[in-house]
Structure formats: C-alpha cells, structure tokens
Amino acid sequence: MERPLDTWTTEELVTAMTATSERIPELMKQAEPAIVLVVDRMVDTIEKGGHVFVVGAGTSGRLAVLDASEIRPTFGNRDIVVAVMAGGDDAVAAVDAEAGITEHNWDEALVKRAMIRSATEVIAIADASKFGHIAFAQAAPLSAVHQFVTDKAPTGALAEAFAKYKIVVRVVGEEDTSTAENDPDET
C-alpha cells in the first residue's frame, strides 16, 4: 500500500506526475473504441432531436461539466448536452445495484432526478471506487441510465442490475463487448 500523498517529497510527487502524464497517449489509444461508441450514440441522439445528459461524480463529473460547457462555443447550442455532477463539489456519489446513483445532498439529488427524467439519453460516468456504496439521496435509479462509462467492469449484484436494465457498459481500455441485445448502436 502506498503512502498518503501528503507524506511524499516534492521530488516524488513530480516524478509520479511525470510518469502518469507519459501514459496518457497510451491510455487514450486504449480508450478509443469506447469513446467512439459513446460519441456516435450521442450524435445519433442529438440528430434525432434529443438531449444528452452526462452524469459523473468527482473528477468524472468535473470533466462532464467541462465537456458540456464546450458545446455552445463549438456548436452554438448549449442545451443539447447537459452535465450532471453528482454530489456537487463536496460530496462523493455512489452507484449501487438497488439504490442506483446516489449522492449526499438531498436538494441537488432532486434537481438532478428531474433533469435525468427529461433526458433522452443518460450516460453515467464513475470509476469503480463508487461501486457498491450508497449515499443519502437517490439522483437516479439504474433503470434511468442508458450507458455507463467506467474504468473497471462492475461485478456481482451491480453487474446483474446493469444487465437487467440493459445498460451498455463501456470500460475504458477494454475491447467493446456489447451485444446487439443491449447496445443501441447494434440495433
């Protein structure tokens, strides 16, 4: 187990950041198939007049907000892609087979729930550390999610729930294993 970051020397921190930064092109190359499938689905939804809601927590949520904020200057319409950052700035969201996508702030959960209910396509983004945890308030049941992008495939009850609701799981860095049965791109 590694030491907490606040105990590292400056040299150790910079060396770790550099090593991680050098891996970015390799990781992006591995993620290309998943990115292409998700973007194609988003474009299809938008071309049919729908809206895309991208839901994320922590860093994933912040990146969703960043991506959504670029829609207006790039395409002239900011309302076609809406980012929903579970938990806001201070909370950690969770993803559970029974509770769905949850967060710590009740008011934010209610607003996000209403937004997600009106979405044509809901793409949730969360790393595997959020799996199997439950926060205070439900932002969305898993049945509301169409695609889920993550770093590791869910297992156990969560994997069964994803299959039950036909959620297309995109694991970054893995070959796409979607089937025509649950992948809207294959129908």
C-alpha atoms as a PDB file:
ATOM      1  CA  MET A   1       0.000   0.000   0.000  1.00  0.00           C
ATOM      2  CA  GLU A   2       1.392   3.365  -0.981  1.00  0.00           C
ATOM      3  CA  ARG A   3       1.987   6.161   1.485  1.00  0.00           C
ATOM      4  CA  PRO A   4      -0.533   9.030   1.602  1.00  0.00           C
ATOM      5  CA  LEU A   5       0.382  11.766  -0.887  1.00  0.00           C
ATOM      6  CA  ASP A   6       0.884  14.344   1.860  1.00  0.00           C
ATOM      7  CA  THR A   7       3.888  12.345   3.075  1.00  0.00           C
ATOM      8  CA  TRP A   8       5.659  12.322  -0.306  1.00  0.00           C
ATOM      9  CA  THR A   9       8.559  14.632  -1.066  1.00  0.00           C
ATOM     10  CA  THR A  10       8.164  17.211  -3.825  1.00  0.00           C
ATOM     11  CA  GLU A  11      10.551  15.194  -5.999  1.00  0.00           C
ATOM     12  CA  GLU A  12       8.458  12.033  -5.505  1.00  0.00           C
ATOM     13  CA  LEU A  13       5.269  13.902  -6.410  1.00  0.00           C
ATOM     14  CA  VAL A  14       6.743  15.445  -9.569  1.00  0.00           C
ATOM     15  CA  THR A  15       8.227  12.091 -10.637  1.00  0.00           C
ATOM     16  CA  ALA A  16       4.845  10.386 -10.159  1.00  0.00           C
ATOM     17  CA  MET A  17       3.007  13.131 -12.111  1.00  0.00           C
ATOM     18  CA  THR A  18       5.508  12.900 -14.967  1.00  0.00           C
ATOM     19  CA  ALA A  19       5.260   9.110 -15.132  1.00  0.00           C
ATOM     20  CA  THR A  20       1.473   9.325 -15.177  1.00  0.00           C
ATOM     21  CA  SER A  21       1.473  12.040 -17.848  1.00  0.00           C
ATOM     22  CA  GLU A  22       3.684   9.892 -20.083  1.00  0.00           C
ATOM     23  CA  ARG A  23       0.998   7.160 -20.028  1.00  0.00           C
ATOM     24  CA  ILE A  24      -1.802   9.438 -21.258  1.00  0.00           C
ATOM     25  CA  PRO A  25      -1.299   8.785 -25.014  1.00  0.00           C
ATOM     26  CA  GLU A  26      -1.258   5.019 -24.399  1.00  0.00           C
ATOM     27  CA  LEU A  27      -4.394   5.186 -22.256  1.00  0.00           C
ATOM     28  CA  MET A  28      -6.181   7.387 -24.806  1.00  0.00           C
ATOM     29  CA  LYS A  29      -5.350   4.869 -27.539  1.00  0.00           C
ATOM     30  CA  GLN A  30      -6.819   2.073 -25.408  1.00  0.00           C
ATOM     31  CA  ALA A  31      -9.943   4.138 -24.779  1.00  0.00           C
ATOM     32  CA  GLU A  32     -10.567   4.987 -28.458  1.00  0.00           C
ATOM     33  CA  PRO A  33     -13.143   2.224 -29.142  1.00  0.00           C
ATOM     34  CA  ALA A  34     -15.232   3.138 -26.082  1.00  0.00           C
ATOM     35  CA  ILE A  35     -15.036   6.851 -26.858  1.00  0.00           C
ATOM     36  CA  VAL A  36     -16.116   6.299 -30.486  1.00  0.00           C
ATOM     37  CA  LEU A  37     -19.150   4.241 -29.452  1.00  0.00           C
ATOM     38  CA  VAL A  38     -20.293   6.756 -26.838  1.00  0.00           C
ATOM     39  CA  VAL A  39     -19.812   9.765 -29.133  1.00  0.00           C
ATOM     40  CA  ASP A  40     -21.636   8.035 -32.000  1.00  0.00           C
ATOM     41  CA  ARG A  41     -24.584   7.319 -29.695  1.00  0.00           C
ATOM     42  CA  MET A  42     -24.605  10.936 -28.501  1.00  0.00           C
ATOM     43  CA  VAL A  43     -24.583  12.244 -32.082  1.00  0.00           C
ATOM     44  CA  ASP A  44     -27.421   9.894 -33.033  1.00  0.00           C
ATOM     45  CA  THR A  45     -29.485  11.106 -30.067  1.00  0.00           C
ATOM     46  CA  ILE A  46     -28.849  14.775 -30.917  1.00  0.00           C
ATOM     47  CA  GLU A  47     -29.615  14.270 -34.616  1.00  0.00           C
ATOM     48  CA  LYS A  48     -32.987  12.804 -33.608  1.00  0.00           C
ATOM     49  CA  GLY A  49     -33.731  15.979 -31.631  1.00  0.00           C
ATOM     50  CA  GLY A  50     -32.927  14.524 -28.232  1.00  0.00           C
ATOM     51  CA  HIS A  51     -30.818  15.747 -25.364  1.00  0.00           C
ATOM     52  CA  VAL A  52     -27.841  14.021 -23.768  1.00  0.00           C
ATOM     53  CA  PHE A  53     -27.284  14.124 -20.029  1.00  0.00           C
ATOM     54  CA  VAL A  54     -23.796  13.133 -18.911  1.00  0.00           C
ATOM     55  CA  VAL A  55     -23.702  12.156 -15.238  1.00  0.00           C
ATOM     56  CA  GLY A  56     -20.450  11.878 -13.318  1.00  0.00           C
ATOM     57  CA  ALA A  57     -19.012  12.127  -9.830  1.00  0.00           C
ATOM     58  CA  GLY A  58     -15.780  13.667  -8.616  1.00  0.00           C
ATOM     59  CA  THR A  59     -13.260  14.097 -11.425  1.00  0.00           C
ATOM     60  CA  SER A  60     -15.581  12.376 -13.914  1.00  0.00           C
ATOM     61  CA  GLY A  61     -18.318  14.873 -13.059  1.00  0.00           C
ATOM     62  CA  ARG A  62     -15.984  17.821 -13.427  1.00  0.00           C
ATOM     63  CA  LEU A  63     -14.873  16.549 -16.848  1.00  0.00           C
ATOM     64  CA  ALA A  64     -18.522  16.111 -17.866  1.00  0.00           C
ATOM     65  CA  VAL A  65     -19.178  19.741 -16.912  1.00  0.00           C
ATOM     66  CA  LEU A  66     -16.099  20.839 -18.858  1.00  0.00           C
ATOM     67  CA  ASP A  67     -17.166  18.911 -21.970  1.00  0.00           C
ATOM     68  CA  ALA A  68     -20.749  20.173 -21.793  1.00  0.00           C
ATOM     69  CA  SER A  69     -19.534  23.757 -21.414  1.00  0.00           C
ATOM     70  CA  GLU A  70     -17.760  23.491 -24.766  1.00  0.00           C
ATOM     71  CA  ILE A  71     -20.936  22.653 -26.702  1.00  0.00           C
ATOM     72  CA  ARG A  72     -22.169  26.242 -27.144  1.00  0.00           C
ATOM     73  CA  PRO A  73     -18.892  27.778 -28.382  1.00  0.00           C
ATOM     74  CA  THR A  74     -18.274  24.785 -30.630  1.00  0.00           C
ATOM     75  CA  PHE A  75     -21.766  24.026 -31.941  1.00  0.00           C
ATOM     76  CA  GLY A  76     -23.852  27.056 -30.937  1.00  0.00           C
ATOM     77  CA  ASN A  77     -26.371  25.222 -28.747  1.00  0.00           C
ATOM     78  CA  ARG A  78     -25.631  24.602 -25.094  1.00  0.00           C
ATOM     79  CA  ASP A  79     -28.893  22.843 -24.342  1.00  0.00           C
ATOM     80  CA  ILE A  80     -28.254  19.635 -26.275  1.00  0.00           C
ATOM     81  CA  VAL A  81     -25.719  18.230 -23.793  1.00  0.00           C
ATOM     82  CA  VAL A  82     -26.243  18.743 -20.069  1.00  0.00           C
ATOM     83  CA  ALA A  83     -23.718  17.686 -17.456  1.00  0.00           C
ATOM     84  CA  VAL A  84     -24.926  16.494 -14.089  1.00  0.00           C
ATOM     85  CA  MET A  85     -22.199  16.359 -11.473  1.00  0.00           C
ATOM     86  CA  ALA A  86     -23.379  14.046  -8.732  1.00  0.00           C
ATOM     87  CA  GLY A  87     -22.557  15.309  -5.274  1.00  0.00           C
ATOM     88  CA  GLY A  88     -21.501  18.783  -6.328  1.00  0.00           C
ATOM     89  CA  ASP A  89     -18.069  19.915  -5.258  1.00  0.00           C
ATOM     90  CA  ASP A  90     -18.029  18.438  -1.761  1.00  0.00           C
ATOM     91  CA  ALA A  91     -19.649  15.010  -1.912  1.00  0.00           C
ATOM     92  CA  VAL A  92     -18.759  11.598  -3.255  1.00  0.00           C
ATOM     93  CA  ALA A  93     -21.517   9.925  -5.254  1.00  0.00           C
ATOM     94  CA  ALA A  94     -22.156   6.222  -5.170  1.00  0.00           C
ATOM     95  CA  VAL A  95     -23.511   3.551  -7.518  1.00  0.00           C
ATOM     96  CA  ASP A  96     -25.406   0.615  -6.051  1.00  0.00           C
ATOM     97  CA  ALA A  97     -27.443  -2.221  -7.580  1.00  0.00           C
ATOM     98  CA  GLU A  98     -30.553  -1.372  -5.543  1.00  0.00           C
ATOM     99  CA  ALA A  99     -30.129   2.322  -4.703  1.00  0.00           C
ATOM    100  CA  GLY A 100     -28.929   3.403  -8.150  1.00  0.00           C
ATOM    101  CA  ILE A 101     -26.919   6.627  -8.434  1.00  0.00           C
ATOM    102  CA  THR A 102     -26.917   8.412  -5.098  1.00  0.00           C
ATOM    103  CA  GLU A 103     -25.352  11.481  -3.553  1.00  0.00           C
ATOM    104  CA  HIS A 104     -25.124  13.261  -0.218  1.00  0.00           C
ATOM    105  CA  ASN A 105     -27.136  16.431  -0.926  1.00  0.00           C
ATOM    106  CA  TRP A 106     -30.922  15.942  -0.996  1.00  0.00           C
ATOM    107  CA  ASP A 107     -31.737  19.176  -2.861  1.00  0.00           C
ATOM    108  CA  GLU A 108     -29.162  18.516  -5.575  1.00  0.00           C
ATOM    109  CA  ALA A 109     -30.435  14.957  -5.933  1.00  0.00           C
ATOM    110  CA  LEU A 110     -33.982  16.219  -6.519  1.00  0.00           C
ATOM    111  CA  VAL A 111     -32.875  18.671  -9.209  1.00  0.00           C
ATOM    112  CA  LYS A 112     -30.726  16.076 -10.928  1.00  0.00           C
ATOM    113  CA  ARG A 113     -33.510  13.499 -10.736  1.00  0.00           C
ATOM    114  CA  ALA A 114     -35.854  15.872 -12.570  1.00  0.00           C
ATOM    115  CA  MET A 115     -33.213  16.591 -15.213  1.00  0.00           C
ATOM    116  CA  ILE A 116     -32.481  12.922 -15.760  1.00  0.00           C
ATOM    117  CA  ARG A 117     -36.186  12.079 -16.089  1.00  0.00           C
ATOM    118  CA  SER A 118     -36.422  14.532 -19.000  1.00  0.00           C
ATOM    119  CA  ALA A 119     -33.308  13.227 -20.764  1.00  0.00           C
ATOM    120  CA  THR A 120     -33.406  11.279 -23.996  1.00  0.00           C
ATOM    121  CA  GLU A 121     -30.062   9.611 -23.283  1.00  0.00           C
ATOM    122  CA  VAL A 122     -28.355   9.287 -19.896  1.00  0.00           C
ATOM    123  CA  ILE A 123     -24.660   8.437 -19.842  1.00  0.00           C
ATOM    124  CA  ALA A 124     -23.283   7.910 -16.359  1.00  0.00           C
ATOM    125  CA  ILE A 125     -19.543   8.132 -15.682  1.00  0.00           C
ATOM    126  CA  ALA A 126     -17.961   6.824 -12.498  1.00  0.00           C
ATOM    127  CA  ASP A 127     -14.835   4.986 -11.509  1.00  0.00           C
ATOM    128  CA  ALA A 128     -15.096   1.614  -9.805  1.00  0.00           C
ATOM    129  CA  SER A 129     -14.416   3.104  -6.366  1.00  0.00           C
ATOM    130  CA  LYS A 130     -18.044   4.328  -6.388  1.00  0.00           C
ATOM    131  CA  PHE A 131     -19.461   0.794  -6.886  1.00  0.00           C
ATOM    132  CA  GLY A 132     -21.375  -0.817  -4.059  1.00  0.00           C
ATOM    133  CA  HIS A 133     -21.729   2.353  -1.985  1.00  0.00           C
ATOM    134  CA  ILE A 134     -24.899   4.235  -1.097  1.00  0.00           C
ATOM    135  CA  ALA A 135     -25.094   7.947  -0.331  1.00  0.00           C
ATOM    136  CA  PHE A 136     -28.006   9.796   1.283  1.00  0.00           C
ATOM    137  CA  ALA A 137     -30.278  10.650  -1.655  1.00  0.00           C
ATOM    138  CA  GLN A 138     -31.055   8.960  -4.946  1.00  0.00           C
ATOM    139  CA  ALA A 139     -30.279  11.035  -8.036  1.00  0.00           C
ATOM    140  CA  ALA A 140     -31.380   8.306 -10.455  1.00  0.00           C
ATOM    141  CA  PRO A 141     -32.431   4.681 -10.426  1.00  0.00           C
ATOM    142  CA  LEU A 142     -30.262   2.444 -12.593  1.00  0.00           C
ATOM    143  CA  SER A 143     -33.264   1.936 -14.874  1.00  0.00           C
ATOM    144  CA  ALA A 144     -32.833   5.574 -15.996  1.00  0.00           C
ATOM    145  CA  VAL A 145     -29.267   5.011 -17.238  1.00  0.00           C
ATOM    146  CA  HIS A 146     -28.604   4.012 -20.859  1.00  0.00           C
ATOM    147  CA  GLN A 147     -24.807   3.854 -20.934  1.00  0.00           C
ATOM    148  CA  PHE A 148     -22.221   3.640 -18.187  1.00  0.00           C
ATOM    149  CA  VAL A 149     -18.561   4.546 -18.708  1.00  0.00           C
ATOM    150  CA  THR A 150     -16.084   3.333 -16.106  1.00  0.00           C
ATOM    151  CA  ASP A 151     -12.546   2.130 -15.504  1.00  0.00           C
ATOM    152  CA  LYS A 152     -13.442  -1.425 -14.393  1.00  0.00           C
ATOM    153  CA  ALA A 153     -16.382  -3.646 -15.216  1.00  0.00           C
ATOM    154  CA  PRO A 154     -18.952  -3.952 -12.451  1.00  0.00           C
ATOM    155  CA  THR A 155     -19.269  -7.371 -10.828  1.00  0.00           C
ATOM    156  CA  GLY A 156     -21.776  -9.231  -8.704  1.00  0.00           C
ATOM    157  CA  ALA A 157     -25.125  -7.616  -7.964  1.00  0.00           C
ATOM    158  CA  LEU A 158     -24.194  -4.396  -9.760  1.00  0.00           C
ATOM    159  CA  ALA A 159     -23.306  -6.280 -12.960  1.00  0.00           C
ATOM    160  CA  GLU A 160     -26.590  -8.186 -12.705  1.00  0.00           C
ATOM    161  CA  ALA A 161     -28.522  -4.929 -12.271  1.00  0.00           C
ATOM    162  CA  PHE A 162     -26.784  -3.385 -15.294  1.00  0.00           C
ATOM    163  CA  ALA A 163     -27.742  -6.448 -17.347  1.00  0.00           C
ATOM    164  CA  LYS A 164     -31.327  -6.350 -16.038  1.00  0.00           C
ATOM    165  CA  TYR A 165     -31.751  -2.739 -17.159  1.00  0.00           C
ATOM    166  CA  LYS A 166     -29.791  -3.329 -20.389  1.00  0.00           C
ATOM    167  CA  ILE A 167     -27.259  -0.636 -19.529  1.00  0.00           C
ATOM    168  CA  VAL A 168     -24.437  -0.595 -22.041  1.00  0.00           C
ATOM    169  CA  VAL A 169     -21.200  -0.627 -20.057  1.00  0.00           C
ATOM    170  CA  ARG A 170     -18.133   0.923 -21.665  1.00  0.00           C
ATOM    171  CA  VAL A 171     -14.940   0.022 -19.831  1.00  0.00           C
ATOM    172  CA  VAL A 172     -12.166   2.360 -20.874  1.00  0.00           C
ATOM    173  CA  GLY A 173      -9.178   0.419 -22.176  1.00  0.00           C
ATOM    174  CA  GLU A 174     -11.075  -2.807 -22.868  1.00  0.00           C
ATOM    175  CA  GLU A 175     -12.383  -4.159 -26.127  1.00  0.00           C
ATOM    176  CA  ASP A 176     -16.095  -3.466 -26.546  1.00  0.00           C
ATOM    177  CA  THR A 177     -18.147  -6.493 -25.532  1.00  0.00           C
ATOM    178  CA  SER A 178     -21.619  -5.047 -26.123  1.00  0.00           C
ATOM    179  CA  THR A 179     -24.180  -7.266 -27.744  1.00  0.00           C
ATOM    180  CA  ALA A 180     -26.927  -6.348 -30.157  1.00  0.00           C
ATOM    181  CA  GLU A 181     -29.354  -7.227 -27.358  1.00  0.00           C
ATOM    182  CA  ASN A 182     -28.309  -4.323 -25.146  1.00  0.00           C
ATOM    183  CA  ASP A 183     -26.355  -1.987 -27.398  1.00  0.00           C
ATOM    184  CA  PRO A 184     -28.441   0.649 -29.192  1.00  0.00           C
ATOM    185  CA  ASP A 185     -25.627   1.045 -31.726  1.00  0.00           C
ATOM    186  CA  GLU A 186     -26.168  -2.533 -32.890  1.00  0.00           C
ATOM    187  CA  THR A 187     -29.910  -2.444 -33.478  1.00  0.00           C
END
